Amino acid sequence: MQLEDYKTVLYRQEDGAWVAEVPAISGCYALMPTREAALAELASVFQMISSEYAERGQSLPADTTEIVNA
Protein backbone atom coordinates (compact mmCIF):
# COMPACT_ATOMS: atom_id res chain seq x y z
CA MET A 1 0.00 0.00 0.00
CA GLN A 2 1.10 3.55 -0.70
CA LEU A 3 0.39 6.81 1.11
CA GLU A 4 -2.09 7.69 -1.65
CA ASP A 5 -4.18 4.66 -0.62
CA TYR A 6 -4.94 6.32 2.74
CA LYS A 7 -7.01 9.31 3.75
CA THR A 8 -4.86 12.12 5.10
CA VAL A 9 -6.13 14.64 7.63
CA LEU A 10 -4.54 18.08 7.54
CA TYR A 11 -5.27 20.83 10.04
CA ARG A 12 -3.73 23.90 11.59
CA GLN A 13 -3.17 24.21 15.33
CA GLU A 14 -3.81 27.36 17.35
CA ASP A 15 -0.08 28.15 17.39
CA GLY A 16 -0.05 28.13 13.57
CA ALA A 17 1.73 24.79 13.13
CA TRP A 18 0.32 22.28 10.65
CA VAL A 19 -0.50 18.66 11.45
CA ALA A 20 -0.77 16.02 8.72
CA GLU A 21 -1.79 12.52 9.76
CA VAL A 22 -3.00 9.18 8.50
CA PRO A 23 -5.58 8.16 11.13
CA ALA A 24 -5.55 4.52 10.03
CA ILE A 25 -1.90 4.05 11.02
CA SER A 26 -0.90 4.63 14.62
CA GLY A 27 1.95 7.14 14.91
CA CYS A 28 1.76 8.24 11.28
CA TYR A 29 1.69 12.01 11.64
CA ALA A 30 3.85 15.08 11.17
CA LEU A 31 3.85 18.49 12.88
CA MET A 32 5.60 21.23 10.90
CA PRO A 33 5.47 25.03 10.52
CA THR A 34 3.97 24.95 7.01
CA ARG A 35 1.34 22.89 5.23
CA GLU A 36 3.83 21.79 2.57
CA ALA A 37 6.45 20.77 5.12
CA ALA A 38 3.89 18.76 7.10
CA LEU A 39 2.82 16.84 3.99
CA ALA A 40 6.43 16.20 2.95
CA GLU A 41 7.35 15.00 6.44
CA LEU A 42 4.24 12.78 6.53
CA ALA A 43 5.47 11.04 3.37
CA SER A 44 8.81 10.35 5.10
CA VAL A 45 7.11 9.07 8.25
CA PHE A 46 4.83 6.83 6.17
CA GLN A 47 7.85 5.33 4.38
CA MET A 48 9.58 4.65 7.69
CA ILE A 49 6.50 2.96 9.18
CA SER A 50 5.89 1.01 5.97
CA SER A 51 9.47 -0.30 6.08
CA GLU A 52 9.08 -1.33 9.73
CA TYR A 53 5.93 -3.30 8.90
CA ALA A 54 7.68 -4.98 5.95
CA GLU A 55 10.68 -5.95 8.12
CA ARG A 56 8.28 -7.68 10.51
CA GLY A 57 6.48 -9.41 7.63
CA GLN A 58 3.25 -7.55 8.36
CA SER A 59 0.86 -5.68 6.11
CA LEU A 60 -0.10 -2.09 6.79
CA PRO A 61 -3.60 -1.77 8.29
CA ALA A 62 -6.54 -1.13 6.00
CA ASP A 63 -7.90 2.40 5.91
CA THR A 64 -11.23 2.40 7.72
CA THR A 65 -11.33 6.19 8.09
CA GLU A 66 -14.67 7.75 7.21
CA ILE A 67 -15.16 11.37 6.25
CA VAL A 68 -18.26 12.52 8.11
CA ASN A 69 -18.18 16.27 7.60
CA ALA A 70 -15.75 18.03 5.32
PDB file of N, CA and C in Angstrom:
ATOM      1  N   MET A   1       0.849  -1.182   0.000  1.00  0.00           N
ATOM      2  CA  MET A   1       0.000   0.000   0.000  1.00  0.00           C
ATOM      3  C   MET A   1       0.896   1.248   0.000  1.00  0.00           C
ATOM      4  N   GLN A   2       0.385   2.280  -0.599  1.00  0.00           N
ATOM      5  CA  GLN A   2       1.101   3.553  -0.699  1.00  0.00           C
ATOM      6  C   GLN A   2       0.358   4.616   0.111  1.00  0.00           C
ATOM      7  N   LEU A   3       1.009   5.715   0.375  1.00  0.00           N
ATOM      8  CA  LEU A   3       0.394   6.813   1.113  1.00  0.00           C
ATOM      9  C   LEU A   3      -0.897   7.268   0.427  1.00  0.00           C
ATOM     10  N   GLU A   4      -0.908   7.250  -0.899  1.00  0.00           N
ATOM     11  CA  GLU A   4      -2.092   7.692  -1.648  1.00  0.00           C
ATOM     12  C   GLU A   4      -3.304   6.792  -1.431  1.00  0.00           C
ATOM     13  N   ASP A   5      -3.081   5.589  -0.890  1.00  0.00           N
ATOM     14  CA  ASP A   5      -4.182   4.664  -0.621  1.00  0.00           C
ATOM     15  C   ASP A   5      -4.905   4.987   0.687  1.00  0.00           C
ATOM     16  N   TYR A   6      -4.381   5.954   1.428  1.00  0.00           N
ATOM     17  CA  TYR A   6      -4.939   6.316   2.736  1.00  0.00           C
ATOM     18  C   TYR A   6      -5.495   7.736   2.734  1.00  0.00           C
ATOM     19  N   LYS A   7      -6.499   7.943   3.555  1.00  0.00           N
ATOM     20  CA  LYS A   7      -7.007   9.306   3.754  1.00  0.00           C
ATOM     21  C   LYS A   7      -6.030  10.040   4.670  1.00  0.00           C
ATOM     22  N   THR A   8      -5.744  11.278   4.310  1.00  0.00           N
ATOM     23  CA  THR A   8      -4.856  12.121   5.096  1.00  0.00           C
ATOM     24  C   THR A   8      -5.668  13.263   5.680  1.00  0.00           C
ATOM     25  N   VAL A   9      -5.476  13.522   6.952  1.00  0.00           N
ATOM     26  CA  VAL A   9      -6.132  14.639   7.632  1.00  0.00           C
ATOM     27  C   VAL A   9      -5.086  15.732   7.805  1.00  0.00           C
ATOM     28  N   LEU A  10      -5.448  16.940   7.445  1.00  0.00           N
ATOM     29  CA  LEU A  10      -4.537  18.080   7.542  1.00  0.00           C
ATOM     30  C   LEU A  10      -5.266  19.203   8.268  1.00  0.00           C
ATOM     31  N   TYR A  11      -4.644  19.716   9.316  1.00  0.00           N
ATOM     32  CA  TYR A  11      -5.269  20.825  10.042  1.00  0.00           C
ATOM     33  C   TYR A  11      -4.206  21.711  10.670  1.00  0.00           C
ATOM     34  N   ARG A  12      -4.624  22.911  10.986  1.00  0.00           N
ATOM     35  CA  ARG A  12      -3.727  23.896  11.589  1.00  0.00           C
ATOM     36  C   ARG A  12      -4.048  24.027  13.076  1.00  0.00           C
ATOM     37  N   GLN A  13      -3.000  24.046  13.887  1.00  0.00           N
ATOM     38  CA  GLN A  13      -3.175  24.211  15.327  1.00  0.00           C
ATOM     39  C   GLN A  13      -3.269  25.697  15.669  1.00  0.00           C
ATOM     40  N   GLU A  14      -3.665  25.975  16.905  1.00  0.00           N
ATOM     41  CA  GLU A  14      -3.808  27.360  17.354  1.00  0.00           C
ATOM     42  C   GLU A  14      -2.504  28.143  17.265  1.00  0.00           C
ATOM     43  N   ASP A  15      -1.371  27.461  17.449  1.00  0.00           N
ATOM     44  CA  ASP A  15      -0.077  28.148  17.388  1.00  0.00           C
ATOM     45  C   ASP A  15       0.406  28.368  15.953  1.00  0.00           C
ATOM     46  N   GLY A  16      -0.387  27.929  14.971  1.00  0.00           N
ATOM     47  CA  GLY A  16      -0.054  28.131  13.570  1.00  0.00           C
ATOM     48  C   GLY A  16       0.638  26.949  12.915  1.00  0.00           C
ATOM     49  N   ALA A  17       1.066  25.976  13.697  1.00  0.00           N
ATOM     50  CA  ALA A  17       1.726  24.794  13.133  1.00  0.00           C
ATOM     51  C   ALA A  17       0.701  23.919  12.416  1.00  0.00           C
ATOM     52  N   TRP A  18       1.179  23.177  11.423  1.00  0.00           N
ATOM     53  CA  TRP A  18       0.319  22.281  10.652  1.00  0.00           C
ATOM     54  C   TRP A  18       0.544  20.838  11.062  1.00  0.00           C
ATOM     55  N   VAL A  19      -0.554  20.093  11.153  1.00  0.00           N
ATOM     56  CA  VAL A  19      -0.501  18.665  11.450  1.00  0.00           C
ATOM     57  C   VAL A  19      -1.047  17.924  10.234  1.00  0.00           C
ATOM     58  N   ALA A  20      -0.306  16.928   9.772  1.00  0.00           N
ATOM     59  CA  ALA A  20      -0.766  16.025   8.720  1.00  0.00           C
ATOM     60  C   ALA A  20      -0.701  14.624   9.316  1.00  0.00           C
ATOM     61  N   GLU A  21      -1.788  13.856   9.174  1.00  0.00           N
ATOM     62  CA  GLU A  21      -1.785  12.523   9.757  1.00  0.00           C
ATOM     63  C   GLU A  21      -2.601  11.543   8.930  1.00  0.00           C
ATOM     64  N   VAL A  22      -2.242  10.283   9.077  1.00  0.00           N
ATOM     65  CA  VAL A  22      -2.996   9.184   8.501  1.00  0.00           C
ATOM     66  C   VAL A  22      -3.648   8.474   9.691  1.00  0.00           C
ATOM     67  N   PRO A  23      -4.930   8.726   9.937  1.00  0.00           N
ATOM     68  CA  PRO A  23      -5.582   8.159  11.130  1.00  0.00           C
ATOM     69  C   PRO A  23      -5.568   6.631  11.191  1.00  0.00           C
ATOM     70  N   ALA A  24      -5.505   5.974  10.053  1.00  0.00           N
ATOM     71  CA  ALA A  24      -5.555   4.516  10.028  1.00  0.00           C
ATOM     72  C   ALA A  24      -4.276   3.856  10.548  1.00  0.00           C
ATOM     73  N   ILE A  25      -3.181   4.623  10.613  1.00  0.00           N
ATOM     74  CA  ILE A  25      -1.896   4.051  11.023  1.00  0.00           C
ATOM     75  C   ILE A  25      -1.401   4.777  12.269  1.00  0.00           C
ATOM     76  N   SER A  26      -1.345   4.058  13.356  1.00  0.00           N
ATOM     77  CA  SER A  26      -0.903   4.634  14.622  1.00  0.00           C
ATOM     78  C   SER A  26       0.495   5.233  14.489  1.00  0.00           C
ATOM     79  N   GLY A  27       0.656   6.472  14.935  1.00  0.00           N
ATOM     80  CA  GLY A  27       1.952   7.136  14.912  1.00  0.00           C
ATOM     81  C   GLY A  27       2.329   7.769  13.585  1.00  0.00           C
ATOM     82  N   CYS A  28       1.445   7.696  12.603  1.00  0.00           N
ATOM     83  CA  CYS A  28       1.762   8.241  11.278  1.00  0.00           C
ATOM     84  C   CYS A  28       1.234   9.673  11.185  1.00  0.00           C
ATOM     85  N   TYR A  29       2.062  10.596  11.664  1.00  0.00           N
ATOM     86  CA  TYR A  29       1.686  12.012  11.636  1.00  0.00           C
ATOM     87  C   TYR A  29       2.939  12.875  11.579  1.00  0.00           C
ATOM     88  N   ALA A  30       2.744  14.127  11.219  1.00  0.00           N
ATOM     89  CA  ALA A  30       3.847  15.084  11.171  1.00  0.00           C
ATOM     90  C   ALA A  30       3.337  16.440  11.640  1.00  0.00           C
ATOM     91  N   LEU A  31       4.154  17.142  12.379  1.00  0.00           N
ATOM     92  CA  LEU A  31       3.847  18.487  12.875  1.00  0.00           C
ATOM     93  C   LEU A  31       4.956  19.403  12.379  1.00  0.00           C
ATOM     94  N   MET A  32       4.600  20.355  11.522  1.00  0.00           N
ATOM     95  CA  MET A  32       5.600  21.228  10.905  1.00  0.00           C
ATOM     96  C   MET A  32       5.048  22.657  10.810  1.00  0.00           C
ATOM     97  N   PRO A  33       5.918  23.631  10.567  1.00  0.00           N
ATOM     98  CA  PRO A  33       5.469  25.031  10.524  1.00  0.00           C
ATOM     99  C   PRO A  33       4.630  25.399   9.295  1.00  0.00           C
ATOM    100  N   THR A  34       4.758  24.636   8.204  1.00  0.00           N
ATOM    101  CA  THR A  34       3.966  24.947   7.013  1.00  0.00           C
ATOM    102  C   THR A  34       3.208  23.711   6.553  1.00  0.00           C
ATOM    103  N   ARG A  35       2.171  23.960   5.785  1.00  0.00           N
ATOM    104  CA  ARG A  35       1.340  22.887   5.228  1.00  0.00           C
ATOM    105  C   ARG A  35       2.197  21.964   4.350  1.00  0.00           C
ATOM    106  N   GLU A  36       2.991  22.555   3.485  1.00  0.00           N
ATOM    107  CA  GLU A  36       3.827  21.788   2.568  1.00  0.00           C
ATOM    108  C   GLU A  36       4.849  20.935   3.311  1.00  0.00           C
ATOM    109  N   ALA A  37       5.457  21.510   4.338  1.00  0.00           N
ATOM    110  CA  ALA A  37       6.450  20.769   5.125  1.00  0.00           C
ATOM    111  C   ALA A  37       5.801  19.609   5.872  1.00  0.00           C
ATOM    112  N   ALA A  38       4.598  19.825   6.388  1.00  0.00           N
ATOM    113  CA  ALA A  38       3.891  18.756   7.104  1.00  0.00           C
ATOM    114  C   ALA A  38       3.578  17.597   6.161  1.00  0.00           C
ATOM    115  N   LEU A  39       3.127  17.901   4.953  1.00  0.00           N
ATOM    116  CA  LEU A  39       2.819  16.841   3.993  1.00  0.00           C
ATOM    117  C   LEU A  39       4.078  16.104   3.547  1.00  0.00           C
ATOM    118  N   ALA A  40       5.168  16.826   3.339  1.00  0.00           N
ATOM    119  CA  ALA A  40       6.427  16.202   2.949  1.00  0.00           C
ATOM    120  C   ALA A  40       6.954  15.303   4.077  1.00  0.00           C
ATOM    121  N   GLU A  41       6.885  15.784   5.298  1.00  0.00           N
ATOM    122  CA  GLU A  41       7.346  14.998   6.443  1.00  0.00           C
ATOM    123  C   GLU A  41       6.458  13.772   6.643  1.00  0.00           C
ATOM    124  N   LEU A  42       5.159  13.917   6.409  1.00  0.00           N
ATOM    125  CA  LEU A  42       4.243  12.782   6.528  1.00  0.00           C
ATOM    126  C   LEU A  42       4.648  11.677   5.555  1.00  0.00           C
ATOM    127  N   ALA A  43       5.031  12.040   4.353  1.00  0.00           N
ATOM    128  CA  ALA A  43       5.473  11.042   3.374  1.00  0.00           C
ATOM    129  C   ALA A  43       6.696  10.288   3.892  1.00  0.00           C
ATOM    130  N   SER A  44       7.621  10.986   4.528  1.00  0.00           N
ATOM    131  CA  SER A  44       8.811  10.346   5.099  1.00  0.00           C
ATOM    132  C   SER A  44       8.436   9.420   6.251  1.00  0.00           C
ATOM    133  N   VAL A  45       7.547   9.884   7.113  1.00  0.00           N
ATOM    134  CA  VAL A  45       7.107   9.074   8.251  1.00  0.00           C
ATOM    135  C   VAL A  45       6.391   7.817   7.751  1.00  0.00           C
ATOM    136  N   PHE A  46       5.543   7.981   6.736  1.00  0.00           N
ATOM    137  CA  PHE A  46       4.834   6.833   6.171  1.00  0.00           C
ATOM    138  C   PHE A  46       5.820   5.801   5.641  1.00  0.00           C
ATOM    139  N   GLN A  47       6.841   6.246   4.925  1.00  0.00           N
ATOM    140  CA  GLN A  47       7.846   5.331   4.376  1.00  0.00           C
ATOM    141  C   GLN A  47       8.566   4.579   5.492  1.00  0.00           C
ATOM    142  N   MET A  48       8.898   5.281   6.567  1.00  0.00           N
ATOM    143  CA  MET A  48       9.582   4.653   7.692  1.00  0.00           C
ATOM    144  C   MET A  48       8.692   3.576   8.325  1.00  0.00           C
ATOM    145  N   ILE A  49       7.430   3.915   8.564  1.00  0.00           N
ATOM    146  CA  ILE A  49       6.503   2.957   9.177  1.00  0.00           C
ATOM    147  C   ILE A  49       6.257   1.782   8.239  1.00  0.00           C
ATOM    148  N   SER A  50       6.105   2.064   6.961  1.00  0.00           N
ATOM    149  CA  SER A  50       5.890   1.006   5.974  1.00  0.00           C
ATOM    150  C   SER A  50       7.066   0.027   5.963  1.00  0.00           C
ATOM    151  N   SER A  51       8.276   0.547   6.043  1.00  0.00           N
ATOM    152  CA  SER A  51       9.471  -0.300   6.083  1.00  0.00           C
ATOM    153  C   SER A  51       9.501  -1.158   7.343  1.00  0.00           C
ATOM    154  N   GLU A  52       9.103  -0.577   8.472  1.00  0.00           N
ATOM    155  CA  GLU A  52       9.076  -1.333   9.728  1.00  0.00           C
ATOM    156  C   GLU A  52       8.082  -2.490   9.640  1.00  0.00           C
ATOM    157  N   TYR A  53       6.917  -2.234   9.061  1.00  0.00           N
ATOM    158  CA  TYR A  53       5.925  -3.300   8.895  1.00  0.00           C
ATOM    159  C   TYR A  53       6.494  -4.399   7.997  1.00  0.00           C
ATOM    160  N   ALA A  54       7.124  -4.008   6.889  1.00  0.00           N
ATOM    161  CA  ALA A  54       7.681  -4.983   5.946  1.00  0.00           C
ATOM    162  C   ALA A  54       8.765  -5.832   6.612  1.00  0.00           C
ATOM    163  N   GLU A  55       9.622  -5.217   7.417  1.00  0.00           N
ATOM    164  CA  GLU A  55      10.684  -5.946   8.118  1.00  0.00           C
ATOM    165  C   GLU A  55      10.112  -7.005   9.054  1.00  0.00           C
ATOM    166  N   ARG A  56       8.934  -6.726   9.613  1.00  0.00           N
ATOM    167  CA  ARG A  56       8.280  -7.684  10.512  1.00  0.00           C
ATOM    168  C   ARG A  56       7.395  -8.667   9.755  1.00  0.00           C
ATOM    169  N   GLY A  57       7.314  -8.514   8.437  1.00  0.00           N
ATOM    170  CA  GLY A  57       6.485  -9.409   7.630  1.00  0.00           C
ATOM    171  C   GLY A  57       4.999  -9.143   7.785  1.00  0.00           C
ATOM    172  N   GLN A  58       4.652  -7.919   8.139  1.00  0.00           N
ATOM    173  CA  GLN A  58       3.247  -7.554   8.358  1.00  0.00           C
ATOM    174  C   GLN A  58       2.775  -6.604   7.265  1.00  0.00           C
ATOM    175  N   SER A  59       1.481  -6.621   7.042  1.00  0.00           N
ATOM    176  CA  SER A  59       0.862  -5.681   6.109  1.00  0.00           C
ATOM    177  C   SER A  59       0.424  -4.440   6.869  1.00  0.00           C
ATOM    178  N   LEU A  60       0.435  -3.311   6.187  1.00  0.00           N
ATOM    179  CA  LEU A  60      -0.105  -2.091   6.791  1.00  0.00           C
ATOM    180  C   LEU A  60      -1.601  -2.279   7.022  1.00  0.00           C
ATOM    181  N   PRO A  61      -2.159  -1.630   8.040  1.00  0.00           N
ATOM    182  CA  PRO A  61      -3.600  -1.774   8.290  1.00  0.00           C
ATOM    183  C   PRO A  61      -4.426  -1.153   7.162  1.00  0.00           C
ATOM    184  N   ALA A  62      -5.611  -1.683   6.995  1.00  0.00           N
ATOM    185  CA  ALA A  62      -6.541  -1.125   6.004  1.00  0.00           C
ATOM    186  C   ALA A  62      -7.027   0.229   6.490  1.00  0.00           C
ATOM    187  N   ASP A  63      -7.369   1.076   5.558  1.00  0.00           N
ATOM    188  CA  ASP A  63      -7.900   2.399   5.907  1.00  0.00           C
ATOM    189  C   ASP A  63      -9.399   2.286   6.136  1.00  0.00           C
ATOM    190  N   THR A  64      -9.809   2.455   7.387  1.00  0.00           N
ATOM    191  CA  THR A  64     -11.229   2.402   7.723  1.00  0.00           C
ATOM    192  C   THR A  64     -11.752   3.790   8.083  1.00  0.00           C
ATOM    193  N   THR A  65     -10.966   4.817   7.773  1.00  0.00           N
ATOM    194  CA  THR A  65     -11.331   6.192   8.093  1.00  0.00           C
ATOM    195  C   THR A  65     -12.531   6.618   7.257  1.00  0.00           C
ATOM    196  N   GLU A  66     -13.506   7.213   7.898  1.00  0.00           N
ATOM    197  CA  GLU A  66     -14.673   7.747   7.211  1.00  0.00           C
ATOM    198  C   GLU A  66     -14.671   9.268   7.314  1.00  0.00           C
ATOM    199  N   ILE A  67     -15.009   9.929   6.241  1.00  0.00           N
ATOM    200  CA  ILE A  67     -15.160  11.372   6.253  1.00  0.00           C
ATOM    201  C   ILE A  67     -16.626  11.663   6.549  1.00  0.00           C
ATOM    202  N   VAL A  68     -16.889  12.270   7.695  1.00  0.00           N
ATOM    203  CA  VAL A  68     -18.256  12.516   8.112  1.00  0.00           C
ATOM    204  C   VAL A  68     -18.693  13.916   7.705  1.00  0.00           C
ATOM    205  N   ASN A  69     -17.831  14.903   7.914  1.00  0.00           N
ATOM    206  CA  ASN A  69     -18.183  16.271   7.595  1.00  0.00           C
ATOM    207  C   ASN A  69     -16.922  16.961   7.103  1.00  0.00           C
ATOM    208  N   ALA A  70     -16.950  17.381   5.873  1.00  0.00           N
ATOM    209  CA  ALA A  70     -15.753  18.026   5.320  1.00  0.00           C
ATOM    210  C   ALA A  70     -16.091  19.396   4.784  1.00  0.00           C
TER     211      ALA A  70
END
